[in-house]
Amino acid sequence: RGNSGGPTFDLYGRVIGVNTAIVTPSGA
């Protein structure tokens, strides 16, 4: 929670995705 909208980087520091969802049994 709170990671929504943050970037996922590859090892070159380039954005490969925008974090938006999780599968979770507890919210974490």
mmCIF file of all heavy atoms, coordinates in Angstrom:
data_MODEL
# 
_entry.id   MODEL 
# 
loop_
_atom_site.group_PDB 
_atom_site.id 
_atom_site.type_symbol 
_atom_site.label_atom_id 
_atom_site.label_alt_id 
_atom_site.label_comp_id 
_atom_site.label_asym_id 
_atom_site.label_entity_id 
_atom_site.label_seq_id 
_atom_site.pdbx_PDB_ins_code 
_atom_site.Cartn_x 
_atom_site.Cartn_y 
_atom_site.Cartn_z 
_atom_site.occupancy 
_atom_site.B_iso_or_equiv 
_atom_site.pdbx_formal_charge 
_atom_site.auth_seq_id 
_atom_site.auth_comp_id 
_atom_site.auth_asym_id 
_atom_site.auth_atom_id 
_atom_site.pdbx_PDB_model_num 
ATOM 1   N N   . ARG A 1 1  ? 0.840  -1.191  0.000   1.00 0.00 ? 1  ARG A N   1 
ATOM 2   C CA  . ARG A 1 1  ? 0.000  0.000   0.000   1.00 0.00 ? 1  ARG A CA  1 
ATOM 3   C C   . ARG A 1 1  ? 0.874  1.238   0.000   1.00 0.00 ? 1  ARG A C   1 
ATOM 4   O O   . ARG A 1 1  ? 1.748  1.388   0.858   1.00 0.00 ? 1  ARG A O   1 
ATOM 5   C CB  . ARG A 1 1  ? -0.918 0.009   1.221   1.00 0.00 ? 1  ARG A CB  1 
ATOM 6   C CG  . ARG A 1 1  ? -1.919 -1.126  1.266   1.00 0.00 ? 1  ARG A CG  1 
ATOM 7   C CD  . ARG A 1 1  ? -2.712 -1.077  2.568   1.00 0.00 ? 1  ARG A CD  1 
ATOM 8   N NE  . ARG A 1 1  ? -3.616 -2.206  2.663   1.00 0.00 ? 1  ARG A NE  1 
ATOM 9   C CZ  . ARG A 1 1  ? -4.868 -2.200  2.252   1.00 0.00 ? 1  ARG A CZ  1 
ATOM 10  N NH1 . ARG A 1 1  ? -5.355 -1.106  1.693   1.00 0.00 ? 1  ARG A NH1 1 
ATOM 11  N NH2 . ARG A 1 1  ? -5.633 -3.255  2.389   1.00 0.00 ? 1  ARG A NH2 1 
ATOM 12  N N   . GLY A 1 2  ? 0.619  2.122   -0.951  1.00 0.00 ? 2  GLY A N   1 
ATOM 13  C CA  . GLY A 1 2  ? 1.437  3.325   -1.078  1.00 0.00 ? 2  GLY A CA  1 
ATOM 14  C C   . GLY A 1 2  ? 2.428  3.246   -2.212  1.00 0.00 ? 2  GLY A C   1 
ATOM 15  O O   . GLY A 1 2  ? 2.970  4.262   -2.647  1.00 0.00 ? 2  GLY A O   1 
ATOM 16  N N   . ASN A 1 3  ? 2.678  2.023   -2.711  1.00 0.00 ? 3  ASN A N   1 
ATOM 17  C CA  . ASN A 1 3  ? 3.546  1.864   -3.880  1.00 0.00 ? 3  ASN A CA  1 
ATOM 18  C C   . ASN A 1 3  ? 2.834  2.222   -5.183  1.00 0.00 ? 3  ASN A C   1 
ATOM 19  O O   . ASN A 1 3  ? 3.474  2.383   -6.226  1.00 0.00 ? 3  ASN A O   1 
ATOM 20  C CB  . ASN A 1 3  ? 4.053  0.422   -4.008  1.00 0.00 ? 3  ASN A CB  1 
ATOM 21  C CG  . ASN A 1 3  ? 5.368  0.177   -3.289  1.00 0.00 ? 3  ASN A CG  1 
ATOM 22  O OD1 . ASN A 1 3  ? 5.417  -0.579  -2.335  1.00 0.00 ? 3  ASN A OD1 1 
ATOM 23  N ND2 . ASN A 1 3  ? 6.432  0.845   -3.723  1.00 0.00 ? 3  ASN A ND2 1 
ATOM 24  N N   . SER A 1 4  ? 1.513  2.329   -5.125  1.00 0.00 ? 4  SER A N   1 
ATOM 25  C CA  . SER A 1 4  ? 0.750  2.611   -6.342  1.00 0.00 ? 4  SER A CA  1 
ATOM 26  C C   . SER A 1 4  ? 1.258  3.872   -7.028  1.00 0.00 ? 4  SER A C   1 
ATOM 27  O O   . SER A 1 4  ? 1.393  4.915   -6.400  1.00 0.00 ? 4  SER A O   1 
ATOM 28  C CB  . SER A 1 4  ? -0.731 2.805   -6.002  1.00 0.00 ? 4  SER A CB  1 
ATOM 29  O OG  . SER A 1 4  ? -1.339 1.586   -5.708  1.00 0.00 ? 4  SER A OG  1 
ATOM 30  N N   . GLY A 1 5  ? 1.483  3.772   -8.329  1.00 0.00 ? 5  GLY A N   1 
ATOM 31  C CA  . GLY A 1 5  ? 1.941  4.912   -9.109  1.00 0.00 ? 5  GLY A CA  1 
ATOM 32  C C   . GLY A 1 5  ? 3.438  5.048   -9.190  1.00 0.00 ? 5  GLY A C   1 
ATOM 33  O O   . GLY A 1 5  ? 3.953  5.877   -9.946  1.00 0.00 ? 5  GLY A O   1 
ATOM 34  N N   . GLY A 1 6  ? 4.166  4.247   -8.423  1.00 0.00 ? 6  GLY A N   1 
ATOM 35  C CA  . GLY A 1 6  ? 5.625  4.299   -8.462  1.00 0.00 ? 6  GLY A CA  1 
ATOM 36  C C   . GLY A 1 6  ? 6.192  3.503   -9.621  1.00 0.00 ? 6  GLY A C   1 
ATOM 37  O O   . GLY A 1 6  ? 5.494  2.696   -10.239 1.00 0.00 ? 6  GLY A O   1 
ATOM 38  N N   . PRO A 1 7  ? 7.466  3.707   -9.929  1.00 0.00 ? 7  PRO A N   1 
ATOM 39  C CA  . PRO A 1 7  ? 8.078  3.044   -11.082 1.00 0.00 ? 7  PRO A CA  1 
ATOM 40  C C   . PRO A 1 7  ? 8.698  1.694   -10.762 1.00 0.00 ? 7  PRO A C   1 
ATOM 41  O O   . PRO A 1 7  ? 9.145  1.443   -9.642  1.00 0.00 ? 7  PRO A O   1 
ATOM 42  C CB  . PRO A 1 7  ? 9.172  4.036   -11.494 1.00 0.00 ? 7  PRO A CB  1 
ATOM 43  C CG  . PRO A 1 7  ? 9.604  4.645   -10.191 1.00 0.00 ? 7  PRO A CG  1 
ATOM 44  C CD  . PRO A 1 7  ? 8.370  4.711   -9.329  1.00 0.00 ? 7  PRO A CD  1 
ATOM 45  N N   . THR A 1 8  ? 8.718  0.832   -11.764 1.00 0.00 ? 8  THR A N   1 
ATOM 46  C CA  . THR A 1 8  ? 9.540  -0.376  -11.764 1.00 0.00 ? 8  THR A CA  1 
ATOM 47  C C   . THR A 1 8  ? 10.666 -0.156  -12.769 1.00 0.00 ? 8  THR A C   1 
ATOM 48  O O   . THR A 1 8  ? 10.404 0.197   -13.923 1.00 0.00 ? 8  THR A O   1 
ATOM 49  C CB  . THR A 1 8  ? 8.727  -1.608  -12.179 1.00 0.00 ? 8  THR A CB  1 
ATOM 50  O OG1 . THR A 1 8  ? 7.690  -1.838  -11.224 1.00 0.00 ? 8  THR A OG1 1 
ATOM 51  C CG2 . THR A 1 8  ? 9.604  -2.844  -12.252 1.00 0.00 ? 8  THR A CG2 1 
ATOM 52  N N   . PHE A 1 9  ? 11.906 -0.336  -12.338 1.00 0.00 ? 9  PHE A N   1 
ATOM 53  C CA  . PHE A 1 9  ? 13.077 -0.084  -13.174 1.00 0.00 ? 9  PHE A CA  1 
ATOM 54  C C   . PHE A 1 9  ? 13.723 -1.374  -13.635 1.00 0.00 ? 9  PHE A C   1 
ATOM 55  O O   . PHE A 1 9  ? 13.680 -2.393  -12.929 1.00 0.00 ? 9  PHE A O   1 
ATOM 56  C CB  . PHE A 1 9  ? 14.134 0.711   -12.394 1.00 0.00 ? 9  PHE A CB  1 
ATOM 57  C CG  . PHE A 1 9  ? 13.724 2.094   -12.002 1.00 0.00 ? 9  PHE A CG  1 
ATOM 58  C CD1 . PHE A 1 9  ? 13.339 2.374   -10.691 1.00 0.00 ? 9  PHE A CD1 1 
ATOM 59  C CD2 . PHE A 1 9  ? 13.738 3.127   -12.918 1.00 0.00 ? 9  PHE A CD2 1 
ATOM 60  C CE1 . PHE A 1 9  ? 12.975 3.649   -10.315 1.00 0.00 ? 9  PHE A CE1 1 
ATOM 61  C CE2 . PHE A 1 9  ? 13.371 4.411   -12.558 1.00 0.00 ? 9  PHE A CE2 1 
ATOM 62  C CZ  . PHE A 1 9  ? 12.989 4.681   -11.252 1.00 0.00 ? 9  PHE A CZ  1 
ATOM 63  N N   . ASP A 1 10 ? 14.365 -1.313  -14.801 1.00 0.00 ? 10 ASP A N   1 
ATOM 64  C CA  . ASP A 1 10 ? 15.280 -2.386  -15.184 1.00 0.00 ? 10 ASP A CA  1 
ATOM 65  C C   . ASP A 1 10 ? 16.653 -2.048  -14.621 1.00 0.00 ? 10 ASP A C   1 
ATOM 66  O O   . ASP A 1 10 ? 16.836 -1.037  -13.921 1.00 0.00 ? 10 ASP A O   1 
ATOM 67  C CB  . ASP A 1 10 ? 15.308 -2.594  -16.700 1.00 0.00 ? 10 ASP A CB  1 
ATOM 68  C CG  . ASP A 1 10 ? 15.833 -1.381  -17.457 1.00 0.00 ? 10 ASP A CG  1 
ATOM 69  O OD1 . ASP A 1 10 ? 16.405 -0.463  -16.835 1.00 0.00 ? 10 ASP A OD1 1 
ATOM 70  O OD2 . ASP A 1 10 ? 15.670 -1.347  -18.698 1.00 0.00 ? 10 ASP A OD2 1 
ATOM 71  N N   . LEU A 1 11 ? 17.652 -2.871  -14.907 1.00 0.00 ? 11 LEU A N   1 
ATOM 72  C CA  . LEU A 1 11 ? 18.979 -2.660  -14.323 1.00 0.00 ? 11 LEU A CA  1 
ATOM 73  C C   . LEU A 1 11 ? 19.732 -1.489  -14.951 1.00 0.00 ? 11 LEU A C   1 
ATOM 74  O O   . LEU A 1 11 ? 20.828 -1.147  -14.505 1.00 0.00 ? 11 LEU A O   1 
ATOM 75  C CB  . LEU A 1 11 ? 19.820 -3.938  -14.436 1.00 0.00 ? 11 LEU A CB  1 
ATOM 76  C CG  . LEU A 1 11 ? 19.403 -5.075  -13.499 1.00 0.00 ? 11 LEU A CG  1 
ATOM 77  C CD1 . LEU A 1 11 ? 20.374 -6.241  -13.595 1.00 0.00 ? 11 LEU A CD1 1 
ATOM 78  C CD2 . LEU A 1 11 ? 19.301 -4.599  -12.055 1.00 0.00 ? 11 LEU A CD2 1 
ATOM 79  N N   . TYR A 1 12 ? 19.136 -0.874  -15.974 1.00 0.00 ? 12 TYR A N   1 
ATOM 80  C CA  . TYR A 1 12 ? 19.742 0.313   -16.573 1.00 0.00 ? 12 TYR A CA  1 
ATOM 81  C C   . TYR A 1 12 ? 19.099 1.594   -16.043 1.00 0.00 ? 12 TYR A C   1 
ATOM 82  O O   . TYR A 1 12 ? 19.448 2.691   -16.478 1.00 0.00 ? 12 TYR A O   1 
ATOM 83  C CB  . TYR A 1 12 ? 19.606 0.264   -18.099 1.00 0.00 ? 12 TYR A CB  1 
ATOM 84  C CG  . TYR A 1 12 ? 20.306 -0.916  -18.719 1.00 0.00 ? 12 TYR A CG  1 
ATOM 85  C CD1 . TYR A 1 12 ? 19.596 -2.081  -19.019 1.00 0.00 ? 12 TYR A CD1 1 
ATOM 86  C CD2 . TYR A 1 12 ? 21.677 -0.884  -18.984 1.00 0.00 ? 12 TYR A CD2 1 
ATOM 87  C CE1 . TYR A 1 12 ? 20.227 -3.184  -19.578 1.00 0.00 ? 12 TYR A CE1 1 
ATOM 88  C CE2 . TYR A 1 12 ? 22.325 -1.984  -19.541 1.00 0.00 ? 12 TYR A CE2 1 
ATOM 89  C CZ  . TYR A 1 12 ? 21.595 -3.130  -19.829 1.00 0.00 ? 12 TYR A CZ  1 
ATOM 90  O OH  . TYR A 1 12 ? 22.227 -4.218  -20.373 1.00 0.00 ? 12 TYR A OH  1 
ATOM 91  N N   . GLY A 1 13 ? 18.150 1.451   -15.133 1.00 0.00 ? 13 GLY A N   1 
ATOM 92  C CA  . GLY A 1 13 ? 17.493 2.611   -14.571 1.00 0.00 ? 13 GLY A CA  1 
ATOM 93  C C   . GLY A 1 13 ? 16.388 3.172   -15.436 1.00 0.00 ? 13 GLY A C   1 
ATOM 94  O O   . GLY A 1 13 ? 15.973 4.320   -15.249 1.00 0.00 ? 13 GLY A O   1 
ATOM 95  N N   . ARG A 1 14 ? 15.878 2.371   -16.362 1.00 0.00 ? 14 ARG A N   1 
ATOM 96  C CA  . ARG A 1 14 ? 14.789 2.806   -17.221 1.00 0.00 ? 14 ARG A CA  1 
ATOM 97  C C   . ARG A 1 14 ? 13.479 2.226   -16.711 1.00 0.00 ? 14 ARG A C   1 
ATOM 98  O O   . ARG A 1 14 ? 13.439 1.092   -16.230 1.00 0.00 ? 14 ARG A O   1 
ATOM 99  C CB  . ARG A 1 14 ? 15.038 2.365   -18.661 1.00 0.00 ? 14 ARG A CB  1 
ATOM 100 C CG  . ARG A 1 14 ? 16.317 2.976   -19.247 1.00 0.00 ? 14 ARG A CG  1 
ATOM 101 C CD  . ARG A 1 14 ? 16.706 2.330   -20.555 1.00 0.00 ? 14 ARG A CD  1 
ATOM 102 N NE  . ARG A 1 14 ? 16.959 0.908   -20.434 1.00 0.00 ? 14 ARG A NE  1 
ATOM 103 C CZ  . ARG A 1 14 ? 17.689 0.197   -21.300 1.00 0.00 ? 14 ARG A CZ  1 
ATOM 104 N NH1 . ARG A 1 14 ? 18.232 0.805   -22.350 1.00 0.00 ? 14 ARG A NH1 1 
ATOM 105 N NH2 . ARG A 1 14 ? 17.863 -1.090  -21.135 1.00 0.00 ? 14 ARG A NH2 1 
ATOM 106 N N   . VAL A 1 15 ? 12.405 3.010   -16.819 1.00 0.00 ? 15 VAL A N   1 
ATOM 107 C CA  . VAL A 1 15 ? 11.104 2.599   -16.293 1.00 0.00 ? 15 VAL A CA  1 
ATOM 108 C C   . VAL A 1 15 ? 10.464 1.578   -17.229 1.00 0.00 ? 15 VAL A C   1 
ATOM 109 O O   . VAL A 1 15 ? 10.218 1.869   -18.395 1.00 0.00 ? 15 VAL A O   1 
ATOM 110 C CB  . VAL A 1 15 ? 10.168 3.811   -16.126 1.00 0.00 ? 15 VAL A CB  1 
ATOM 111 C CG1 . VAL A 1 15 ? 8.814  3.357   -15.578 1.00 0.00 ? 15 VAL A CG1 1 
ATOM 112 C CG2 . VAL A 1 15 ? 10.794 4.850   -15.201 1.00 0.00 ? 15 VAL A CG2 1 
ATOM 113 N N   . ILE A 1 16 ? 10.189 0.412   -16.708 1.00 0.00 ? 16 ILE A N   1 
ATOM 114 C CA  . ILE A 1 16 ? 9.538  -0.624  -17.515 1.00 0.00 ? 16 ILE A CA  1 
ATOM 115 C C   . ILE A 1 16 ? 8.074  -0.805  -17.133 1.00 0.00 ? 16 ILE A C   1 
ATOM 116 O O   . ILE A 1 16 ? 7.338  -1.529  -17.807 1.00 0.00 ? 16 ILE A O   1 
ATOM 117 C CB  . ILE A 1 16 ? 10.265 -1.970  -17.405 1.00 0.00 ? 16 ILE A CB  1 
ATOM 118 C CG1 . ILE A 1 16 ? 10.219 -2.488  -15.964 1.00 0.00 ? 16 ILE A CG1 1 
ATOM 119 C CG2 . ILE A 1 16 ? 11.696 -1.862  -17.913 1.00 0.00 ? 16 ILE A CG2 1 
ATOM 120 C CD1 . ILE A 1 16 ? 10.619 -3.939  -15.831 1.00 0.00 ? 16 ILE A CD1 1 
ATOM 121 N N   . GLY A 1 17 ? 7.635  -0.137  -16.051 1.00 0.00 ? 17 GLY A N   1 
ATOM 122 C CA  . GLY A 1 17 ? 6.246  -0.277  -15.654 1.00 0.00 ? 17 GLY A CA  1 
ATOM 123 C C   . GLY A 1 17 ? 5.863  0.688   -14.549 1.00 0.00 ? 17 GLY A C   1 
ATOM 124 O O   . GLY A 1 17 ? 6.728  1.249   -13.863 1.00 0.00 ? 17 GLY A O   1 
ATOM 125 N N   . VAL A 1 18 ? 4.555  0.885   -14.391 1.00 0.00 ? 18 VAL A N   1 
ATOM 126 C CA  . VAL A 1 18 ? 4.005  1.713   -13.315 1.00 0.00 ? 18 VAL A CA  1 
ATOM 127 C C   . VAL A 1 18 ? 3.248  0.797   -12.366 1.00 0.00 ? 18 VAL A C   1 
ATOM 128 O O   . VAL A 1 18 ? 2.243  0.189   -12.738 1.00 0.00 ? 18 VAL A O   1 
ATOM 129 C CB  . VAL A 1 18 ? 3.054  2.801   -13.866 1.00 0.00 ? 18 VAL A CB  1 
ATOM 130 C CG1 . VAL A 1 18 ? 2.512  3.657   -12.717 1.00 0.00 ? 18 VAL A CG1 1 
ATOM 131 C CG2 . VAL A 1 18 ? 3.757  3.666   -14.896 1.00 0.00 ? 18 VAL A CG2 1 
ATOM 132 N N   . ASN A 1 19 ? 3.730  0.657   -11.143 1.00 0.00 ? 19 ASN A N   1 
ATOM 133 C CA  . ASN A 1 19 ? 3.136  -0.262  -10.176 1.00 0.00 ? 19 ASN A CA  1 
ATOM 134 C C   . ASN A 1 19 ? 1.698  0.123   -9.875  1.00 0.00 ? 19 ASN A C   1 
ATOM 135 O O   . ASN A 1 19 ? 1.398  1.291   -9.625  1.00 0.00 ? 19 ASN A O   1 
ATOM 136 C CB  . ASN A 1 19 ? 3.944  -0.252  -8.873  1.00 0.00 ? 19 ASN A CB  1 
ATOM 137 C CG  . ASN A 1 19 ? 5.381  -0.660  -9.102  1.00 0.00 ? 19 ASN A CG  1 
ATOM 138 O OD1 . ASN A 1 19 ? 5.667  -1.524  -9.924  1.00 0.00 ? 19 ASN A OD1 1 
ATOM 139 N ND2 . ASN A 1 19 ? 6.305  -0.033  -8.382  1.00 0.00 ? 19 ASN A ND2 1 
ATOM 140 N N   . THR A 1 20 ? 0.811  -0.870  -9.875  1.00 0.00 ? 20 THR A N   1 
ATOM 141 C CA  . THR A 1 20 ? -0.600 -0.515  -9.723  1.00 0.00 ? 20 THR A CA  1 
ATOM 142 C C   . THR A 1 20 ? -1.448 -1.511  -8.951  1.00 0.00 ? 20 THR A C   1 
ATOM 143 O O   . THR A 1 20 ? -2.496 -1.145  -8.435  1.00 0.00 ? 20 THR A O   1 
ATOM 144 C CB  . THR A 1 20 ? -1.236 -0.296  -11.115 1.00 0.00 ? 20 THR A CB  1 
ATOM 145 O OG1 . THR A 1 20 ? -2.496 0.323   -10.977 1.00 0.00 ? 20 THR A OG1 1 
ATOM 146 C CG2 . THR A 1 20 ? -1.388 -1.606  -11.865 1.00 0.00 ? 20 THR A CG2 1 
ATOM 147 N N   . ALA A 1 21 ? -1.048 -2.779  -8.830  1.00 0.00 ? 21 ALA A N   1 
ATOM 148 C CA  . ALA A 1 21 ? -1.934 -3.764  -8.195  1.00 0.00 ? 21 ALA A CA  1 
ATOM 149 C C   . ALA A 1 21 ? -1.133 -4.891  -7.582  1.00 0.00 ? 21 ALA A C   1 
ATOM 150 O O   . ALA A 1 21 ? 0.016  -5.140  -7.953  1.00 0.00 ? 21 ALA A O   1 
ATOM 151 C CB  . ALA A 1 21 ? -2.917 -4.324  -9.228  1.00 0.00 ? 21 ALA A CB  1 
ATOM 152 N N   . ILE A 1 22 ? -1.760 -5.557  -6.606  1.00 0.00 ? 22 ILE A N   1 
ATOM 153 C CA  . ILE A 1 22 ? -1.147 -6.731  -5.984  1.00 0.00 ? 22 ILE A CA  1 
ATOM 154 C C   . ILE A 1 22 ? -2.195 -7.814  -5.794  1.00 0.00 ? 22 ILE A C   1 
ATOM 155 O O   . ILE A 1 22 ? -3.384 -7.537  -5.705  1.00 0.00 ? 22 ILE A O   1 
ATOM 156 C CB  . ILE A 1 22 ? -0.497 -6.405  -4.615  1.00 0.00 ? 22 ILE A CB  1 
ATOM 157 C CG1 . ILE A 1 22 ? -1.539 -5.830  -3.647  1.00 0.00 ? 22 ILE A CG1 1 
ATOM 158 C CG2 . ILE A 1 22 ? 0.678  -5.473  -4.784  1.00 0.00 ? 22 ILE A CG2 1 
ATOM 159 C CD1 . ILE A 1 22 ? -1.012 -5.608  -2.246  1.00 0.00 ? 22 ILE A CD1 1 
ATOM 160 N N   . VAL A 1 23 ? -1.730 -9.044  -5.725  1.00 0.00 ? 23 VAL A N   1 
ATOM 161 C CA  . VAL A 1 23 ? -2.559 -10.151 -5.250  1.00 0.00 ? 23 VAL A CA  1 
ATOM 162 C C   . VAL A 1 23 ? -2.170 -10.364 -3.801  1.00 0.00 ? 23 VAL A C   1 
ATOM 163 O O   . VAL A 1 23 ? -0.991 -10.522 -3.498  1.00 0.00 ? 23 VAL A O   1 
ATOM 164 C CB  . VAL A 1 23 ? -2.312 -11.433 -6.068  1.00 0.00 ? 23 VAL A CB  1 
ATOM 165 C CG1 . VAL A 1 23 ? -2.961 -12.624 -5.389  1.00 0.00 ? 23 VAL A CG1 1 
ATOM 166 C CG2 . VAL A 1 23 ? -2.860 -11.283 -7.474  1.00 0.00 ? 23 VAL A CG2 1 
ATOM 167 N N   . THR A 1 24 ? -3.150 -10.353 -2.904  1.00 0.00 ? 24 THR A N   1 
ATOM 168 C CA  . THR A 1 24 ? -2.796 -10.403 -1.489  1.00 0.00 ? 24 THR A CA  1 
ATOM 169 C C   . THR A 1 24 ? -3.884 -11.060 -0.663  1.00 0.00 ? 24 THR A C   1 
ATOM 170 O O   . THR A 1 24 ? -5.066 -10.812 -0.892  1.00 0.00 ? 24 THR A O   1 
ATOM 171 C CB  . THR A 1 24 ? -2.543 -8.983  -0.942  1.00 0.00 ? 24 THR A CB  1 
ATOM 172 O OG1 . THR A 1 24 ? -2.374 -9.042  0.473   1.00 0.00 ? 24 THR A OG1 1 
ATOM 173 C CG2 . THR A 1 24 ? -3.676 -8.039  -1.276  1.00 0.00 ? 24 THR A CG2 1 
ATOM 174 N N   . PRO A 1 25 ? -3.515 -11.879 0.327   1.00 0.00 ? 25 PRO A N   1 
ATOM 175 C CA  . PRO A 1 25 ? -4.505 -12.423 1.246   1.00 0.00 ? 25 PRO A CA  1 
ATOM 176 C C   . PRO A 1 25 ? -4.773 -11.501 2.419   1.00 0.00 ? 25 PRO A C   1 
ATOM 177 O O   . PRO A 1 25 ? -5.721 -11.682 3.153   1.00 0.00 ? 25 PRO A O   1 
ATOM 178 C CB  . PRO A 1 25 ? -3.849 -13.729 1.716   1.00 0.00 ? 25 PRO A CB  1 
ATOM 179 C CG  . PRO A 1 25 ? -2.390 -13.433 1.653   1.00 0.00 ? 25 PRO A CG  1 
ATOM 180 C CD  . PRO A 1 25 ? -2.190 -12.500 0.485   1.00 0.00 ? 25 PRO A CD  1 
ATOM 181 N N   . SER A 1 26 ? -3.902 -10.492 2.621   1.00 0.00 ? 26 SER A N   1 
ATOM 182 C CA  . SER A 1 26 ? -3.991 -9.680  3.831   1.00 0.00 ? 26 SER A CA  1 
ATOM 183 C C   . SER A 1 26 ? -3.939 -8.183  3.590   1.00 0.00 ? 26 SER A C   1 
ATOM 184 O O   . SER A 1 26 ? -4.125 -7.403  4.511   1.00 0.00 ? 26 SER A O   1 
ATOM 185 C CB  . SER A 1 26 ? -2.832 -10.047 4.761   1.00 0.00 ? 26 SER A CB  1 
ATOM 186 O OG  . SER A 1 26 ? -1.586 -9.739  4.143   1.00 0.00 ? 26 SER A OG  1 
ATOM 187 N N   . GLY A 1 27 ? -3.669 -7.753  2.358   1.00 0.00 ? 27 GLY A N   1 
ATOM 188 C CA  . GLY A 1 27 ? -3.480 -6.333  2.084   1.00 0.00 ? 27 GLY A CA  1 
ATOM 189 C C   . GLY A 1 27 ? -2.010 -5.973  1.969   1.00 0.00 ? 27 GLY A C   1 
ATOM 190 O O   . GLY A 1 27 ? -1.675 -4.879  1.509   1.00 0.00 ? 27 GLY A O   1 
ATOM 191 N N   . ALA A 1 28 ? -1.134 -6.851  2.379   1.00 0.00 ? 28 ALA A N   1 
ATOM 192 C CA  . ALA A 1 28 ? 0.304  -6.613  2.290   1.00 0.00 ? 28 ALA A CA  1 
ATOM 193 C C   . ALA A 1 28 ? 0.898  -7.473  1.182   1.00 0.00 ? 28 ALA A C   1 
ATOM 194 O O   . ALA A 1 28 ? 0.247  -8.355  0.632   1.00 0.00 ? 28 ALA A O   1 
ATOM 195 C CB  . ALA A 1 28 ? 0.975  -6.921  3.626   1.00 0.00 ? 28 ALA A CB  1 
# 
